[in-house]
Amino acid sequence: MRLEDEIKQKAFANPYQKLMVNILYTGSWLNLIESNYLKAYGLTLPQFNVLRILRGQYPNPTTINDIIDRMLDKSSNASRIVDKLVMKKYVDRKVCESDKRAVDVVITLKGKDLLAEIDKKTPEWEERFKTLTPIQASKVSDLLDKLRDSDIYTF
């Protein structure tokens, strides 16, 4: 459905304004879908993101700072997220051997098993994107990368 119909707005000031609103709207739409999907597993989007980061690092431990650098949502509180995952027994944390000020975090077998279960549903999730051809999907991804290449705003 067209953005104008979704948000009931007839026109935009220019194509860049429409692009910005469309990206924000689509991102919110995707977050809502994925959040609802992950509720069945007792996870939030940031918790899922942290588990995936840790699985990618496994068997090596990762520090909280490394997790923060790799998170999709940079405003998330990684320490708090890790604490919640520890309580669920999906990750372990311990003082880093080489730097006593740092904390090492590693995914547990239970965390890996949960991700393996979620992975079985990945084709279902990807199906939402198949309104685009593989070439179109690559082009959209490339354009989003190009949009973020701007030096105007740095964080």
N, C-alpha and C. Protein backbone atom coordinates (compact mmCIF):
# COMPACT_ATOMS: atom_id res chain seq x y z
N MET A 1 0.83 -1.17 0.00
CA MET A 1 0.00 0.00 0.00
C MET A 1 0.88 1.24 0.00
N ARG A 2 0.42 2.27 -0.67
CA ARG A 2 1.18 3.52 -0.76
C ARG A 2 1.26 4.21 0.60
N LEU A 3 2.39 4.86 0.84
CA LEU A 3 2.61 5.57 2.09
C LEU A 3 1.50 6.59 2.34
N GLU A 4 1.14 7.33 1.30
CA GLU A 4 0.10 8.36 1.44
C GLU A 4 -1.20 7.77 1.99
N ASP A 5 -1.54 6.57 1.52
CA ASP A 5 -2.76 5.91 1.99
C ASP A 5 -2.59 5.40 3.42
N GLU A 6 -1.42 4.87 3.74
CA GLU A 6 -1.16 4.31 5.07
C GLU A 6 -1.27 5.37 6.16
N ILE A 7 -0.69 6.53 5.90
CA ILE A 7 -0.68 7.57 6.95
C ILE A 7 -1.70 8.68 6.68
N LYS A 8 -2.48 8.49 5.63
CA LYS A 8 -3.55 9.43 5.27
C LYS A 8 -3.02 10.86 5.10
N GLN A 9 -2.00 10.96 4.27
CA GLN A 9 -1.41 12.25 3.93
C GLN A 9 -1.42 12.37 2.42
N LYS A 10 -1.94 13.47 1.92
CA LYS A 10 -2.11 13.63 0.47
C LYS A 10 -0.82 13.89 -0.27
N ALA A 11 0.05 14.70 0.33
CA ALA A 11 1.27 15.09 -0.39
C ALA A 11 2.40 15.37 0.60
N PHE A 12 3.59 15.41 0.05
CA PHE A 12 4.78 15.74 0.82
C PHE A 12 5.43 16.97 0.19
N ALA A 13 6.22 17.68 0.97
CA ALA A 13 6.86 18.91 0.47
C ALA A 13 7.80 18.63 -0.69
N ASN A 14 8.47 17.45 -0.64
CA ASN A 14 9.40 17.09 -1.70
C ASN A 14 9.70 15.59 -1.58
N PRO A 15 10.38 15.01 -2.57
CA PRO A 15 10.67 13.57 -2.53
C PRO A 15 11.54 13.15 -1.34
N TYR A 16 12.40 14.04 -0.86
CA TYR A 16 13.26 13.70 0.27
C TYR A 16 12.47 13.59 1.57
N GLN A 17 11.48 14.47 1.73
CA GLN A 17 10.62 14.39 2.90
C GLN A 17 9.83 13.08 2.87
N LYS A 18 9.31 12.73 1.71
CA LYS A 18 8.57 11.48 1.58
C LYS A 18 9.47 10.28 1.87
N LEU A 19 10.69 10.32 1.37
CA LEU A 19 11.65 9.24 1.61
C LEU A 19 11.90 9.07 3.11
N MET A 20 12.15 10.19 3.79
CA MET A 20 12.42 10.13 5.22
C MET A 20 11.23 9.52 5.97
N VAL A 21 10.04 10.00 5.69
CA VAL A 21 8.84 9.49 6.36
C VAL A 21 8.64 8.01 6.01
N ASN A 22 8.88 7.65 4.77
CA ASN A 22 8.68 6.27 4.33
C ASN A 22 9.66 5.32 5.04
N ILE A 23 10.90 5.73 5.18
CA ILE A 23 11.88 4.90 5.87
C ILE A 23 11.50 4.74 7.33
N LEU A 24 11.12 5.84 7.99
CA LEU A 24 10.71 5.78 9.40
C LEU A 24 9.48 4.90 9.57
N TYR A 25 8.50 5.08 8.70
CA TYR A 25 7.26 4.30 8.78
C TYR A 25 7.54 2.81 8.55
N THR A 26 8.33 2.51 7.53
CA THR A 26 8.65 1.12 7.21
C THR A 26 9.47 0.47 8.31
N GLY A 27 10.42 1.21 8.88
CA GLY A 27 11.20 0.68 9.99
C GLY A 27 10.31 0.35 11.19
N SER A 28 9.37 1.23 11.48
CA SER A 28 8.44 1.00 12.58
C SER A 28 7.56 -0.22 12.29
N TRP A 29 7.12 -0.34 11.06
CA TRP A 29 6.29 -1.48 10.62
C TRP A 29 7.06 -2.79 10.80
N LEU A 30 8.31 -2.82 10.37
CA LEU A 30 9.12 -4.02 10.50
C LEU A 30 9.40 -4.35 11.97
N ASN A 31 9.68 -3.33 12.78
CA ASN A 31 9.92 -3.55 14.21
C ASN A 31 8.69 -4.15 14.89
N LEU A 32 7.52 -3.65 14.56
CA LEU A 32 6.29 -4.17 15.14
C LEU A 32 6.08 -5.64 14.77
N ILE A 33 6.29 -5.97 13.51
CA ILE A 33 6.13 -7.35 13.06
C ILE A 33 7.11 -8.27 13.78
N GLU A 34 8.38 -7.86 13.82
CA GLU A 34 9.40 -8.72 14.43
C GLU A 34 9.21 -8.80 15.95
N SER A 35 8.81 -7.70 16.58
CA SER A 35 8.56 -7.72 18.03
C SER A 35 7.45 -8.70 18.37
N ASN A 36 6.38 -8.67 17.60
CA ASN A 36 5.28 -9.60 17.83
C ASN A 36 5.71 -11.04 17.61
N TYR A 37 6.53 -11.27 16.62
CA TYR A 37 7.05 -12.60 16.31
C TYR A 37 7.92 -13.12 17.45
N LEU A 38 8.78 -12.25 18.02
CA LEU A 38 9.70 -12.67 19.07
C LEU A 38 9.04 -12.84 20.43
N LYS A 39 7.86 -12.24 20.62
CA LYS A 39 7.14 -12.38 21.89
C LYS A 39 6.89 -13.86 22.22
N ALA A 40 6.64 -14.65 21.19
CA ALA A 40 6.38 -16.08 21.40
C ALA A 40 7.59 -16.78 22.01
N TYR A 41 8.77 -16.20 21.85
CA TYR A 41 10.00 -16.77 22.39
C TYR A 41 10.46 -16.05 23.66
N GLY A 42 9.68 -15.09 24.12
CA GLY A 42 10.02 -14.35 25.33
C GLY A 42 11.20 -13.41 25.15
N LEU A 43 11.41 -12.93 23.93
CA LEU A 43 12.53 -12.04 23.63
C LEU A 43 12.05 -10.70 23.12
N THR A 44 12.86 -9.68 23.35
CA THR A 44 12.66 -8.38 22.72
C THR A 44 13.60 -8.31 21.52
N LEU A 45 13.40 -7.31 20.67
CA LEU A 45 14.31 -7.13 19.53
C LEU A 45 15.76 -6.94 19.97
N PRO A 46 16.03 -6.06 20.95
CA PRO A 46 17.43 -5.91 21.37
C PRO A 46 18.03 -7.20 21.97
N GLN A 47 17.24 -7.97 22.70
CA GLN A 47 17.74 -9.24 23.24
C GLN A 47 18.09 -10.20 22.11
N PHE A 48 17.23 -10.26 21.10
CA PHE A 48 17.48 -11.11 19.94
C PHE A 48 18.75 -10.67 19.23
N ASN A 49 18.92 -9.35 19.09
CA ASN A 49 20.10 -8.81 18.44
C ASN A 49 21.37 -9.21 19.20
N VAL A 50 21.35 -9.08 20.53
CA VAL A 50 22.51 -9.44 21.34
C VAL A 50 22.82 -10.93 21.22
N LEU A 51 21.79 -11.77 21.27
CA LEU A 51 22.01 -13.21 21.13
C LEU A 51 22.66 -13.54 19.78
N ARG A 52 22.20 -12.89 18.73
CA ARG A 52 22.78 -13.15 17.41
C ARG A 52 24.23 -12.69 17.33
N ILE A 53 24.53 -11.55 17.95
CA ILE A 53 25.92 -11.07 17.99
C ILE A 53 26.79 -12.09 18.71
N LEU A 54 26.31 -12.57 19.85
CA LEU A 54 27.10 -13.53 20.64
C LEU A 54 27.26 -14.86 19.92
N ARG A 55 26.22 -15.29 19.21
CA ARG A 55 26.34 -16.53 18.44
C ARG A 55 27.41 -16.38 17.36
N GLY A 56 27.46 -15.20 16.74
CA GLY A 56 28.47 -14.96 15.71
C GLY A 56 29.89 -14.95 16.25
N GLN A 57 30.05 -14.63 17.51
CA GLN A 57 31.37 -14.59 18.15
C GLN A 57 31.76 -15.93 18.77
N TYR A 58 30.78 -16.79 18.99
CA TYR A 58 30.99 -18.06 19.69
C TYR A 58 32.07 -18.89 19.00
N PRO A 59 32.97 -19.52 19.73
CA PRO A 59 33.03 -19.73 21.18
C PRO A 59 33.77 -18.62 21.92
N ASN A 60 34.21 -17.60 21.20
CA ASN A 60 34.95 -16.53 21.85
C ASN A 60 34.01 -15.63 22.65
N PRO A 61 34.45 -15.18 23.82
CA PRO A 61 33.64 -14.24 24.58
C PRO A 61 33.71 -12.85 23.94
N THR A 62 32.75 -12.02 24.29
CA THR A 62 32.66 -10.67 23.75
C THR A 62 32.43 -9.71 24.91
N THR A 63 32.98 -8.52 24.81
CA THR A 63 32.76 -7.53 25.86
C THR A 63 31.47 -6.75 25.59
N ILE A 64 30.96 -6.11 26.61
CA ILE A 64 29.77 -5.27 26.46
C ILE A 64 30.02 -4.18 25.43
N ASN A 65 31.22 -3.58 25.44
CA ASN A 65 31.53 -2.53 24.47
C ASN A 65 31.49 -3.05 23.04
N ASP A 66 31.98 -4.26 22.81
CA ASP A 66 31.92 -4.84 21.48
C ASP A 66 30.47 -5.09 21.06
N ILE A 67 29.65 -5.52 22.00
CA ILE A 67 28.22 -5.73 21.71
C ILE A 67 27.58 -4.40 21.31
N ILE A 68 27.86 -3.35 22.08
CA ILE A 68 27.29 -2.03 21.78
C ILE A 68 27.67 -1.59 20.38
N ASP A 69 28.94 -1.78 20.01
CA ASP A 69 29.42 -1.38 18.68
C ASP A 69 28.67 -2.09 17.56
N ARG A 70 28.18 -3.30 17.82
CA ARG A 70 27.57 -4.11 16.77
C ARG A 70 26.04 -4.09 16.79
N MET A 71 25.46 -3.48 17.82
CA MET A 71 24.00 -3.51 17.94
C MET A 71 23.32 -2.68 16.86
N LEU A 72 22.14 -3.14 16.45
CA LEU A 72 21.36 -2.42 15.46
C LEU A 72 20.79 -1.13 16.05
N ASP A 73 20.34 -1.20 17.29
CA ASP A 73 19.78 -0.04 17.97
C ASP A 73 20.82 0.48 18.95
N LYS A 74 21.53 1.52 18.56
CA LYS A 74 22.63 2.04 19.37
C LYS A 74 22.16 2.66 20.68
N SER A 75 20.87 2.94 20.81
CA SER A 75 20.37 3.55 22.04
C SER A 75 20.02 2.51 23.10
N SER A 76 20.11 1.24 22.76
CA SER A 76 19.79 0.19 23.72
C SER A 76 20.83 0.12 24.83
N ASN A 77 20.40 -0.26 26.01
CA ASN A 77 21.29 -0.41 27.15
C ASN A 77 21.79 -1.86 27.17
N ALA A 78 22.95 -2.08 26.58
CA ALA A 78 23.47 -3.44 26.40
C ALA A 78 23.70 -4.15 27.72
N SER A 79 24.17 -3.44 28.73
CA SER A 79 24.40 -4.07 30.04
C SER A 79 23.10 -4.62 30.62
N ARG A 80 22.06 -3.83 30.56
CA ARG A 80 20.76 -4.26 31.08
C ARG A 80 20.21 -5.43 30.27
N ILE A 81 20.40 -5.39 28.96
CA ILE A 81 19.93 -6.48 28.09
C ILE A 81 20.67 -7.77 28.44
N VAL A 82 21.98 -7.68 28.60
CA VAL A 82 22.77 -8.86 28.96
C VAL A 82 22.32 -9.40 30.31
N ASP A 83 22.06 -8.51 31.28
CA ASP A 83 21.58 -8.95 32.59
C ASP A 83 20.30 -9.78 32.45
N LYS A 84 19.39 -9.31 31.61
CA LYS A 84 18.13 -10.04 31.43
C LYS A 84 18.37 -11.39 30.75
N LEU A 85 19.31 -11.43 29.81
CA LEU A 85 19.63 -12.69 29.14
C LEU A 85 20.34 -13.66 30.09
N VAL A 86 21.13 -13.13 31.02
CA VAL A 86 21.76 -13.97 32.04
C VAL A 86 20.68 -14.60 32.91
N MET A 87 19.69 -13.80 33.33
CA MET A 87 18.60 -14.31 34.17
C MET A 87 17.83 -15.42 33.46
N LYS A 88 17.73 -15.33 32.13
CA LYS A 88 17.02 -16.35 31.35
C LYS A 88 17.93 -17.53 31.00
N LYS A 89 19.21 -17.42 31.41
CA LYS A 89 20.23 -18.45 31.18
C LYS A 89 20.58 -18.63 29.69
N TYR A 90 20.42 -17.56 28.91
CA TYR A 90 20.79 -17.59 27.50
C TYR A 90 22.23 -17.15 27.28
N VAL A 91 22.79 -16.43 28.27
CA VAL A 91 24.19 -16.00 28.19
C VAL A 91 24.83 -16.10 29.57
N ASP A 92 26.15 -16.16 29.56
CA ASP A 92 26.94 -16.10 30.79
C ASP A 92 27.82 -14.88 30.71
N ARG A 93 28.08 -14.28 31.87
CA ARG A 93 29.02 -13.15 31.92
C ARG A 93 29.99 -13.38 33.07
N LYS A 94 31.24 -12.97 32.83
CA LYS A 94 32.26 -13.09 33.87
C LYS A 94 33.33 -12.03 33.63
N VAL A 95 34.11 -11.76 34.66
CA VAL A 95 35.17 -10.77 34.56
C VAL A 95 36.20 -11.26 33.53
N CYS A 96 36.61 -10.37 32.67
CA CYS A 96 37.59 -10.67 31.62
C CYS A 96 38.95 -10.98 32.27
N GLU A 97 39.58 -12.06 31.84
CA GLU A 97 40.87 -12.48 32.40
C GLU A 97 41.97 -11.46 32.10
N SER A 98 41.96 -10.87 30.91
CA SER A 98 43.05 -9.98 30.51
C SER A 98 42.83 -8.53 30.95
N ASP A 99 41.58 -8.16 31.27
CA ASP A 99 41.27 -6.79 31.70
C ASP A 99 40.18 -6.86 32.75
N LYS A 100 40.56 -6.77 33.99
CA LYS A 100 39.62 -6.95 35.11
C LYS A 100 38.50 -5.91 35.12
N ARG A 101 38.66 -4.82 34.35
CA ARG A 101 37.61 -3.80 34.28
C ARG A 101 36.52 -4.19 33.29
N ALA A 102 36.82 -5.12 32.40
CA ALA A 102 35.87 -5.52 31.36
C ALA A 102 35.12 -6.78 31.78
N VAL A 103 33.99 -7.00 31.14
CA VAL A 103 33.18 -8.18 31.39
C VAL A 103 33.06 -8.95 30.08
N ASP A 104 33.35 -10.24 30.15
CA ASP A 104 33.19 -11.12 28.99
C ASP A 104 31.78 -11.70 28.99
N VAL A 105 31.19 -11.77 27.82
CA VAL A 105 29.86 -12.34 27.67
C VAL A 105 29.93 -13.41 26.59
N VAL A 106 29.29 -14.55 26.85
CA VAL A 106 29.27 -15.64 25.89
C VAL A 106 27.88 -16.27 25.88
N ILE A 107 27.43 -16.69 24.73
CA ILE A 107 26.12 -17.34 24.61
C ILE A 107 26.21 -18.75 25.19
N THR A 108 25.14 -19.19 25.83
CA THR A 108 25.09 -20.55 26.39
C THR A 108 24.47 -21.50 25.37
N LEU A 109 24.54 -22.78 25.68
CA LEU A 109 23.89 -23.78 24.83
C LEU A 109 22.39 -23.51 24.74
N LYS A 110 21.79 -23.12 25.86
CA LYS A 110 20.36 -22.81 25.87
C LYS A 110 20.06 -21.63 24.92
N GLY A 111 20.93 -20.62 24.92
CA GLY A 111 20.76 -19.49 24.01
C GLY A 111 20.92 -19.89 22.56
N LYS A 112 21.91 -20.74 22.29
CA LYS A 112 22.12 -21.23 20.91
C LYS A 112 20.94 -22.07 20.45
N ASP A 113 20.40 -22.90 21.36
CA ASP A 113 19.24 -23.72 21.01
C ASP A 113 18.02 -22.86 20.69
N LEU A 114 17.83 -21.79 21.46
CA LEU A 114 16.71 -20.88 21.20
C LEU A 114 16.85 -20.24 19.82
N LEU A 115 18.04 -19.77 19.50
CA LEU A 115 18.26 -19.18 18.18
C LEU A 115 18.05 -20.20 17.07
N ALA A 116 18.45 -21.43 17.29
CA ALA A 116 18.25 -22.48 16.28
C ALA A 116 16.75 -22.70 16.04
N GLU A 117 15.97 -22.64 17.11
CA GLU A 117 14.52 -22.77 16.98
C GLU A 117 13.93 -21.59 16.20
N ILE A 118 14.39 -20.40 16.51
CA ILE A 118 13.92 -19.19 15.80
C ILE A 118 14.35 -19.25 14.34
N ASP A 119 15.57 -19.74 14.08
CA ASP A 119 16.08 -19.83 12.70
C ASP A 119 15.18 -20.66 11.80
N LYS A 120 14.50 -21.64 12.38
CA LYS A 120 13.60 -22.48 11.58
C LYS A 120 12.48 -21.65 10.96
N LYS A 121 12.16 -20.53 11.57
CA LYS A 121 11.08 -19.66 11.09
C LYS A 121 11.59 -18.56 10.15
N THR A 122 12.90 -18.49 9.94
CA THR A 122 13.47 -17.44 9.10
C THR A 122 12.85 -17.39 7.70
N PRO A 123 12.63 -18.53 7.03
CA PRO A 123 12.01 -18.44 5.71
C PRO A 123 10.64 -17.75 5.74
N GLU A 124 9.88 -17.94 6.81
CA GLU A 124 8.60 -17.25 6.98
C GLU A 124 8.81 -15.75 7.04
N TRP A 125 9.81 -15.32 7.82
CA TRP A 125 10.12 -13.91 7.97
C TRP A 125 10.56 -13.32 6.63
N GLU A 126 11.42 -14.02 5.92
CA GLU A 126 11.93 -13.52 4.64
C GLU A 126 10.84 -13.45 3.58
N GLU A 127 9.80 -14.23 3.73
CA GLU A 127 8.70 -14.24 2.75
C GLU A 127 8.09 -12.85 2.59
N ARG A 128 8.08 -12.06 3.66
CA ARG A 128 7.52 -10.70 3.61
C ARG A 128 8.25 -9.82 2.60
N PHE A 129 9.51 -10.14 2.35
CA PHE A 129 10.33 -9.31 1.47
C PHE A 129 10.27 -9.78 0.02
N LYS A 130 9.62 -10.88 -0.23
CA LYS A 130 9.64 -11.45 -1.57
C LYS A 130 8.64 -10.80 -2.52
N THR A 131 8.08 -9.65 -2.10
CA THR A 131 7.34 -8.82 -3.05
C THR A 131 8.36 -8.13 -3.96
N LEU A 132 9.63 -8.14 -3.54
CA LEU A 132 10.72 -7.63 -4.34
C LEU A 132 11.49 -8.80 -4.95
N THR A 133 12.04 -8.60 -6.11
CA THR A 133 12.92 -9.61 -6.70
C THR A 133 14.25 -9.55 -5.96
N PRO A 134 15.09 -10.60 -6.06
CA PRO A 134 16.41 -10.52 -5.44
C PRO A 134 17.22 -9.31 -5.91
N ILE A 135 17.11 -8.95 -7.18
CA ILE A 135 17.84 -7.79 -7.71
C ILE A 135 17.30 -6.50 -7.08
N GLN A 136 15.98 -6.38 -6.96
CA GLN A 136 15.39 -5.20 -6.32
C GLN A 136 15.80 -5.12 -4.84
N ALA A 137 15.79 -6.25 -4.16
CA ALA A 137 16.17 -6.26 -2.74
C ALA A 137 17.62 -5.79 -2.58
N SER A 138 18.51 -6.25 -3.45
CA SER A 138 19.91 -5.81 -3.41
C SER A 138 20.01 -4.31 -3.69
N LYS A 139 19.23 -3.82 -4.62
CA LYS A 139 19.27 -2.40 -4.97
C LYS A 139 18.78 -1.55 -3.80
N VAL A 140 17.70 -1.94 -3.16
CA VAL A 140 17.20 -1.19 -2.00
C VAL A 140 18.26 -1.18 -0.91
N SER A 141 18.86 -2.32 -0.65
CA SER A 141 19.90 -2.41 0.37
C SER A 141 21.09 -1.50 0.02
N ASP A 142 21.50 -1.51 -1.24
CA ASP A 142 22.61 -0.65 -1.68
C ASP A 142 22.25 0.83 -1.51
N LEU A 143 21.02 1.18 -1.83
CA LEU A 143 20.59 2.58 -1.70
C LEU A 143 20.55 3.01 -0.23
N LEU A 144 20.13 2.13 0.65
CA LEU A 144 20.14 2.45 2.07
C LEU A 144 21.57 2.64 2.58
N ASP A 145 22.49 1.79 2.10
CA ASP A 145 23.91 1.95 2.45
C ASP A 145 24.40 3.32 1.99
N LYS A 146 24.04 3.69 0.77
CA LYS A 146 24.47 4.98 0.21
C LYS A 146 23.90 6.14 1.03
N LEU A 147 22.66 6.01 1.46
CA LEU A 147 22.03 7.05 2.27
C LEU A 147 22.81 7.27 3.57
N ARG A 148 23.28 6.19 4.19
CA ARG A 148 24.03 6.30 5.44
C ARG A 148 25.47 6.76 5.23
N ASP A 149 25.95 6.84 3.99
CA ASP A 149 27.32 7.28 3.72
C ASP A 149 27.52 8.78 3.93
N SER A 150 26.44 9.50 4.12
CA SER A 150 26.53 10.95 4.26
C SER A 150 27.36 11.33 5.48
N ASP A 151 28.22 12.36 5.30
CA ASP A 151 29.02 12.87 6.41
C ASP A 151 28.31 14.00 7.14
N ILE A 152 27.10 14.33 6.73
CA ILE A 152 26.39 15.45 7.32
C ILE A 152 26.16 15.24 8.80
N TYR A 153 25.69 14.07 9.16
CA TYR A 153 25.38 13.77 10.56
C TYR A 153 26.21 12.60 11.02
N THR A 154 27.00 12.81 12.03
CA THR A 154 27.74 11.71 12.62
C THR A 154 27.34 11.59 14.08
N PHE A 155 27.44 10.40 14.57
CA PHE A 155 27.03 10.13 15.94
C PHE A 155 28.23 9.77 16.78
